[in-house]
Amino acid sequence: MSINKLLIAMALGLALTACSKQEQAADAAASANEAAADAQVAADQAAAAGAQTADAAQAAADTAATAADTAASAAADAGAATTDDAADTAAETAETAKDTAQDAADTAEKAASEADQK
């Protein structure tokens, strides 16, 4: 009886770990998507200002959008992962993509700000 309880507890622990990795990856994907949207708004503002920095802002927005897609894909991979290592890797990929999207959004916003100052 105690071995069965131990096995059930281990299975529940693994399931909870997998869920937390999936949630972490999904949160990262949502943040990356938000950053991509912010970057596109900044690129549109730079373009509306007719600035030479509009191309740089649009390139940054495109990078952010690609990173958001990568994060979303990684979140799906984390949900489908059959091992804890695979879930960890997918969650880390989503986090890295989120960071890339946020950096690109910052670049786009900086370009838009420079456009406004000109």
N, C-alpha and C. Protein backbone atom coordinates (compact mmCIF):
# COMPACT_ATOMS: atom_id res chain seq x y z
N MET A 1 0.82 -1.19 0.00
CA MET A 1 0.00 0.00 0.00
C MET A 1 0.86 1.26 0.00
N SER A 2 1.92 1.31 0.77
CA SER A 2 2.74 2.51 0.84
C SER A 2 3.52 2.74 -0.46
N ILE A 3 3.87 1.67 -1.15
CA ILE A 3 4.56 1.83 -2.45
C ILE A 3 3.61 2.47 -3.46
N ASN A 4 2.35 2.07 -3.45
CA ASN A 4 1.37 2.66 -4.35
C ASN A 4 1.19 4.15 -4.06
N LYS A 5 1.15 4.48 -2.79
CA LYS A 5 1.01 5.90 -2.42
C LYS A 5 2.23 6.69 -2.86
N LEU A 6 3.39 6.08 -2.73
CA LEU A 6 4.62 6.74 -3.16
C LEU A 6 4.62 6.97 -4.67
N LEU A 7 4.20 5.96 -5.40
CA LEU A 7 4.13 6.09 -6.86
C LEU A 7 3.13 7.16 -7.29
N ILE A 8 2.00 7.21 -6.61
CA ILE A 8 0.99 8.23 -6.91
C ILE A 8 1.53 9.62 -6.59
N ALA A 9 2.19 9.74 -5.46
CA ALA A 9 2.77 11.03 -5.09
C ALA A 9 3.82 11.49 -6.10
N MET A 10 4.64 10.56 -6.56
CA MET A 10 5.66 10.90 -7.55
C MET A 10 5.02 11.33 -8.87
N ALA A 11 3.98 10.62 -9.28
CA ALA A 11 3.29 10.96 -10.52
C ALA A 11 2.65 12.34 -10.42
N LEU A 12 2.04 12.63 -9.27
CA LEU A 12 1.44 13.95 -9.07
C LEU A 12 2.51 15.04 -9.06
N GLY A 13 3.63 14.76 -8.44
CA GLY A 13 4.73 15.73 -8.43
C GLY A 13 5.24 16.04 -9.82
N LEU A 14 5.40 15.00 -10.64
CA LEU A 14 5.84 15.21 -12.02
C LEU A 14 4.80 16.00 -12.82
N ALA A 15 3.54 15.70 -12.60
CA ALA A 15 2.48 16.43 -13.31
C ALA A 15 2.47 17.90 -12.92
N LEU A 16 2.65 18.18 -11.63
CA LEU A 16 2.69 19.58 -11.18
C LEU A 16 3.89 20.31 -11.75
N THR A 17 5.03 19.64 -11.81
CA THR A 17 6.23 20.25 -12.39
C THR A 17 6.00 20.58 -13.86
N ALA A 18 5.41 19.66 -14.58
CA ALA A 18 5.14 19.89 -16.01
C ALA A 18 4.18 21.06 -16.19
N CYS A 19 3.17 21.14 -15.33
CA CYS A 19 2.22 22.25 -15.42
C CYS A 19 2.90 23.58 -15.15
N SER A 20 3.78 23.62 -14.16
CA SER A 20 4.44 24.88 -13.84
C SER A 20 5.35 25.33 -14.98
N LYS A 21 6.01 24.38 -15.64
CA LYS A 21 6.86 24.74 -16.78
C LYS A 21 6.01 25.26 -17.93
N GLN A 22 4.86 24.62 -18.14
CA GLN A 22 3.96 25.07 -19.21
C GLN A 22 3.44 26.47 -18.90
N GLU A 23 3.08 26.72 -17.64
CA GLU A 23 2.59 28.04 -17.26
C GLU A 23 3.69 29.09 -17.42
N GLN A 24 4.92 28.73 -17.02
CA GLN A 24 6.05 29.65 -17.17
C GLN A 24 6.25 30.00 -18.65
N ALA A 25 6.20 29.00 -19.49
CA ALA A 25 6.38 29.23 -20.93
C ALA A 25 5.22 30.04 -21.50
N ALA A 26 4.02 29.75 -21.06
CA ALA A 26 2.86 30.50 -21.55
C ALA A 26 2.92 31.96 -21.12
N ASP A 27 3.35 32.20 -19.88
CA ASP A 27 3.51 33.58 -19.41
C ASP A 27 4.57 34.32 -20.22
N ALA A 28 5.66 33.62 -20.53
CA ALA A 28 6.71 34.23 -21.34
C ALA A 28 6.21 34.54 -22.74
N ALA A 29 5.42 33.64 -23.29
CA ALA A 29 4.86 33.88 -24.62
C ALA A 29 3.92 35.09 -24.62
N ALA A 30 3.12 35.21 -23.58
CA ALA A 30 2.22 36.37 -23.47
C ALA A 30 3.00 37.67 -23.35
N SER A 31 4.06 37.64 -22.56
CA SER A 31 4.90 38.84 -22.42
C SER A 31 5.59 39.19 -23.73
N ALA A 32 6.04 38.17 -24.45
CA ALA A 32 6.70 38.41 -25.74
C ALA A 32 5.71 38.99 -26.74
N ASN A 33 4.50 38.49 -26.71
CA ASN A 33 3.47 38.99 -27.63
C ASN A 33 3.15 40.45 -27.32
N GLU A 34 3.08 40.78 -26.04
CA GLU A 34 2.83 42.17 -25.63
C GLU A 34 3.98 43.08 -26.07
N ALA A 35 5.21 42.60 -25.92
CA ALA A 35 6.38 43.38 -26.35
C ALA A 35 6.36 43.59 -27.86
N ALA A 36 5.96 42.56 -28.59
CA ALA A 36 5.88 42.69 -30.05
C ALA A 36 4.84 43.73 -30.45
N ALA A 37 3.72 43.74 -29.76
CA ALA A 37 2.68 44.74 -30.05
C ALA A 37 3.19 46.14 -29.74
N ASP A 38 3.88 46.29 -28.61
CA ASP A 38 4.46 47.59 -28.26
C ASP A 38 5.48 48.04 -29.31
N ALA A 39 6.28 47.10 -29.78
CA ALA A 39 7.29 47.43 -30.79
C ALA A 39 6.64 47.88 -32.08
N GLN A 40 5.54 47.24 -32.46
CA GLN A 40 4.87 47.63 -33.70
C GLN A 40 4.25 49.02 -33.57
N VAL A 41 3.70 49.33 -32.40
CA VAL A 41 3.15 50.67 -32.17
C VAL A 41 4.27 51.71 -32.30
N ALA A 42 5.41 51.41 -31.70
CA ALA A 42 6.55 52.34 -31.79
C ALA A 42 7.01 52.50 -33.23
N ALA A 43 7.05 51.40 -33.97
CA ALA A 43 7.46 51.49 -35.38
C ALA A 43 6.47 52.31 -36.18
N ASP A 44 5.19 52.14 -35.91
CA ASP A 44 4.17 52.93 -36.60
C ASP A 44 4.30 54.41 -36.27
N GLN A 45 4.62 54.72 -35.01
CA GLN A 45 4.80 56.11 -34.62
C GLN A 45 6.01 56.72 -35.33
N ALA A 46 7.08 55.95 -35.43
CA ALA A 46 8.28 56.44 -36.12
C ALA A 46 7.98 56.67 -37.60
N ALA A 47 7.23 55.75 -38.19
CA ALA A 47 6.88 55.90 -39.60
C ALA A 47 5.98 57.11 -39.82
N ALA A 48 5.04 57.34 -38.90
CA ALA A 48 4.14 58.48 -39.01
C ALA A 48 4.91 59.79 -38.91
N ALA A 49 5.99 59.79 -38.16
CA ALA A 49 6.82 60.99 -38.02
C ALA A 49 7.69 61.19 -39.26
N GLY A 50 7.70 60.20 -40.13
CA GLY A 50 8.49 60.32 -41.36
C GLY A 50 9.98 60.27 -41.09
N ALA A 51 10.34 59.68 -40.00
CA ALA A 51 11.74 59.68 -39.60
C ALA A 51 12.55 58.63 -40.34
N GLN A 52 13.84 58.89 -40.43
CA GLN A 52 14.75 57.93 -41.03
C GLN A 52 14.90 56.71 -40.12
N THR A 53 14.56 56.88 -38.87
CA THR A 53 14.67 55.78 -37.93
C THR A 53 13.49 54.80 -38.03
N ALA A 54 12.54 55.11 -38.89
CA ALA A 54 11.37 54.25 -39.03
C ALA A 54 11.76 52.84 -39.49
N ASP A 55 12.74 52.74 -40.38
CA ASP A 55 13.18 51.42 -40.84
C ASP A 55 13.78 50.62 -39.69
N ALA A 56 14.56 51.27 -38.85
CA ALA A 56 15.15 50.58 -37.70
C ALA A 56 14.06 50.15 -36.72
N ALA A 57 13.09 51.01 -36.52
CA ALA A 57 11.99 50.67 -35.61
C ALA A 57 11.17 49.51 -36.16
N GLN A 58 10.94 49.50 -37.48
CA GLN A 58 10.17 48.40 -38.07
C GLN A 58 10.95 47.09 -38.00
N ALA A 59 12.26 47.17 -38.23
CA ALA A 59 13.09 45.96 -38.12
C ALA A 59 13.04 45.41 -36.70
N ALA A 60 13.07 46.29 -35.71
CA ALA A 60 12.98 45.85 -34.32
C ALA A 60 11.61 45.24 -34.03
N ALA A 61 10.57 45.84 -34.59
CA ALA A 61 9.23 45.29 -34.40
C ALA A 61 9.11 43.90 -35.04
N ASP A 62 9.71 43.74 -36.21
CA ASP A 62 9.71 42.43 -36.87
C ASP A 62 10.46 41.40 -36.02
N THR A 63 11.58 41.81 -35.43
CA THR A 63 12.34 40.91 -34.56
C THR A 63 11.50 40.52 -33.35
N ALA A 64 10.80 41.48 -32.78
CA ALA A 64 9.95 41.20 -31.63
C ALA A 64 8.83 40.23 -31.99
N ALA A 65 8.25 40.41 -33.17
CA ALA A 65 7.18 39.51 -33.60
C ALA A 65 7.69 38.09 -33.81
N THR A 66 8.87 37.97 -34.40
CA THR A 66 9.47 36.65 -34.59
C THR A 66 9.76 36.00 -33.23
N ALA A 67 10.27 36.78 -32.30
CA ALA A 67 10.55 36.25 -30.96
C ALA A 67 9.27 35.82 -30.26
N ALA A 68 8.19 36.58 -30.47
CA ALA A 68 6.90 36.20 -29.87
C ALA A 68 6.41 34.88 -30.44
N ASP A 69 6.59 34.70 -31.74
CA ASP A 69 6.21 33.42 -32.37
C ASP A 69 7.04 32.27 -31.79
N THR A 70 8.33 32.52 -31.60
CA THR A 70 9.21 31.50 -31.02
C THR A 70 8.77 31.16 -29.61
N ALA A 71 8.41 32.17 -28.83
CA ALA A 71 7.96 31.94 -27.45
C ALA A 71 6.66 31.14 -27.44
N ALA A 72 5.75 31.46 -28.34
CA ALA A 72 4.49 30.72 -28.40
C ALA A 72 4.72 29.26 -28.77
N SER A 73 5.62 29.05 -29.71
CA SER A 73 5.95 27.68 -30.10
C SER A 73 6.60 26.92 -28.94
N ALA A 74 7.49 27.59 -28.23
CA ALA A 74 8.14 26.96 -27.08
C ALA A 74 7.14 26.65 -25.98
N ALA A 75 6.15 27.52 -25.81
CA ALA A 75 5.12 27.26 -24.81
C ALA A 75 4.32 26.00 -25.17
N ALA A 76 4.03 25.86 -26.45
CA ALA A 76 3.33 24.65 -26.90
C ALA A 76 4.21 23.43 -26.68
N ASP A 77 5.50 23.57 -26.96
CA ASP A 77 6.43 22.46 -26.75
C ASP A 77 6.51 22.09 -25.27
N ALA A 78 6.47 23.07 -24.40
CA ALA A 78 6.53 22.80 -22.96
C ALA A 78 5.29 22.02 -22.53
N GLY A 79 4.16 22.36 -23.11
CA GLY A 79 2.93 21.65 -22.78
C GLY A 79 2.93 20.22 -23.27
N ALA A 80 3.61 19.98 -24.39
CA ALA A 80 3.63 18.65 -24.98
C ALA A 80 4.84 17.83 -24.54
N ALA A 81 5.72 18.42 -23.77
CA ALA A 81 6.96 17.74 -23.37
C ALA A 81 6.65 16.48 -22.56
N THR A 82 7.41 15.44 -22.87
CA THR A 82 7.19 14.17 -22.18
C THR A 82 8.20 13.95 -21.06
N THR A 83 9.21 14.80 -20.98
CA THR A 83 10.19 14.70 -19.90
C THR A 83 10.36 16.07 -19.25
N ASP A 84 10.85 16.06 -18.04
CA ASP A 84 11.08 17.30 -17.32
C ASP A 84 12.16 18.13 -18.00
N ASP A 85 13.19 17.45 -18.53
CA ASP A 85 14.26 18.17 -19.23
C ASP A 85 13.73 18.88 -20.46
N ALA A 86 12.86 18.22 -21.20
CA ALA A 86 12.28 18.83 -22.39
C ALA A 86 11.41 20.03 -22.02
N ALA A 87 10.66 19.90 -20.95
CA ALA A 87 9.83 21.02 -20.48
C ALA A 87 10.71 22.18 -20.03
N ASP A 88 11.80 21.88 -19.33
CA ASP A 88 12.74 22.92 -18.90
C ASP A 88 13.32 23.66 -20.10
N THR A 89 13.75 22.89 -21.09
CA THR A 89 14.35 23.49 -22.28
C THR A 89 13.34 24.38 -23.01
N ALA A 90 12.12 23.90 -23.15
CA ALA A 90 11.09 24.69 -23.84
C ALA A 90 10.76 25.95 -23.05
N ALA A 91 10.68 25.84 -21.73
CA ALA A 91 10.40 27.02 -20.91
C ALA A 91 11.54 28.03 -20.99
N GLU A 92 12.77 27.54 -20.98
CA GLU A 92 13.93 28.44 -21.11
C GLU A 92 13.95 29.11 -22.48
N THR A 93 13.58 28.37 -23.52
CA THR A 93 13.51 28.96 -24.86
C THR A 93 12.46 30.07 -24.90
N ALA A 94 11.33 29.82 -24.27
CA ALA A 94 10.27 30.84 -24.22
C ALA A 94 10.74 32.08 -23.48
N GLU A 95 11.45 31.88 -22.37
CA GLU A 95 11.97 33.01 -21.60
C GLU A 95 12.99 33.82 -22.41
N THR A 96 13.86 33.13 -23.11
CA THR A 96 14.86 33.80 -23.95
C THR A 96 14.18 34.58 -25.07
N ALA A 97 13.18 33.98 -25.68
CA ALA A 97 12.44 34.67 -26.74
C ALA A 97 11.72 35.88 -26.20
N LYS A 98 11.18 35.77 -24.98
CA LYS A 98 10.53 36.92 -24.35
C LYS A 98 11.52 38.06 -24.15
N ASP A 99 12.71 37.72 -23.66
CA ASP A 99 13.74 38.74 -23.46
C ASP A 99 14.13 39.39 -24.78
N THR A 100 14.24 38.60 -25.84
CA THR A 100 14.57 39.14 -27.16
C THR A 100 13.47 40.08 -27.64
N ALA A 101 12.23 39.68 -27.45
CA ALA A 101 11.11 40.53 -27.86
C ALA A 101 11.09 41.84 -27.09
N GLN A 102 11.37 41.77 -25.79
CA GLN A 102 11.38 42.99 -24.98
C GLN A 102 12.54 43.91 -25.38
N ASP A 103 13.70 43.32 -25.67
CA ASP A 103 14.83 44.13 -26.13
C ASP A 103 14.51 44.80 -27.46
N ALA A 104 13.88 44.05 -28.36
CA ALA A 104 13.52 44.62 -29.65
C ALA A 104 12.47 45.72 -29.50
N ALA A 105 11.53 45.52 -28.59
CA ALA A 105 10.52 46.56 -28.33
C ALA A 105 11.18 47.82 -27.79
N ASP A 106 12.15 47.65 -26.91
CA ASP A 106 12.88 48.81 -26.38
C ASP A 106 13.61 49.55 -27.50
N THR A 107 14.20 48.79 -28.41
CA THR A 107 14.89 49.40 -29.56
C THR A 107 13.92 50.18 -30.43
N ALA A 108 12.77 49.59 -30.69
CA ALA A 108 11.76 50.27 -31.51
C ALA A 108 11.25 51.53 -30.83
N GLU A 109 11.03 51.45 -29.53
CA GLU A 109 10.56 52.61 -28.79
C GLU A 109 11.61 53.71 -28.75
N LYS A 110 12.87 53.32 -28.66
CA LYS A 110 13.95 54.31 -28.69
C LYS A 110 13.99 55.00 -30.06
N ALA A 111 13.84 54.22 -31.10
CA ALA A 111 13.83 54.81 -32.45
C ALA A 111 12.65 55.75 -32.63
N ALA A 112 11.50 55.36 -32.11
CA ALA A 112 10.33 56.24 -32.21
C ALA A 112 10.53 57.52 -31.42
N SER A 113 11.18 57.39 -30.26
CA SER A 113 11.45 58.57 -29.44
C SER A 113 12.40 59.51 -30.16
N GLU A 114 13.42 58.95 -30.79
CA GLU A 114 14.35 59.77 -31.57
C GLU A 114 13.66 60.44 -32.73
N ALA A 115 12.70 59.75 -33.32
CA ALA A 115 11.94 60.32 -34.43
C ALA A 115 11.12 61.50 -33.96
N ASP A 116 10.54 61.40 -32.78
CA ASP A 116 9.72 62.48 -32.22
C ASP A 116 10.55 63.72 -31.91
N GLN A 117 11.83 63.50 -31.56
CA GLN A 117 12.70 64.63 -31.20
C GLN A 117 13.20 65.38 -32.43
N LYS A 118 13.11 64.77 -33.58
CA LYS A 118 13.62 65.43 -34.78
C LYS A 118 12.60 66.32 -35.42
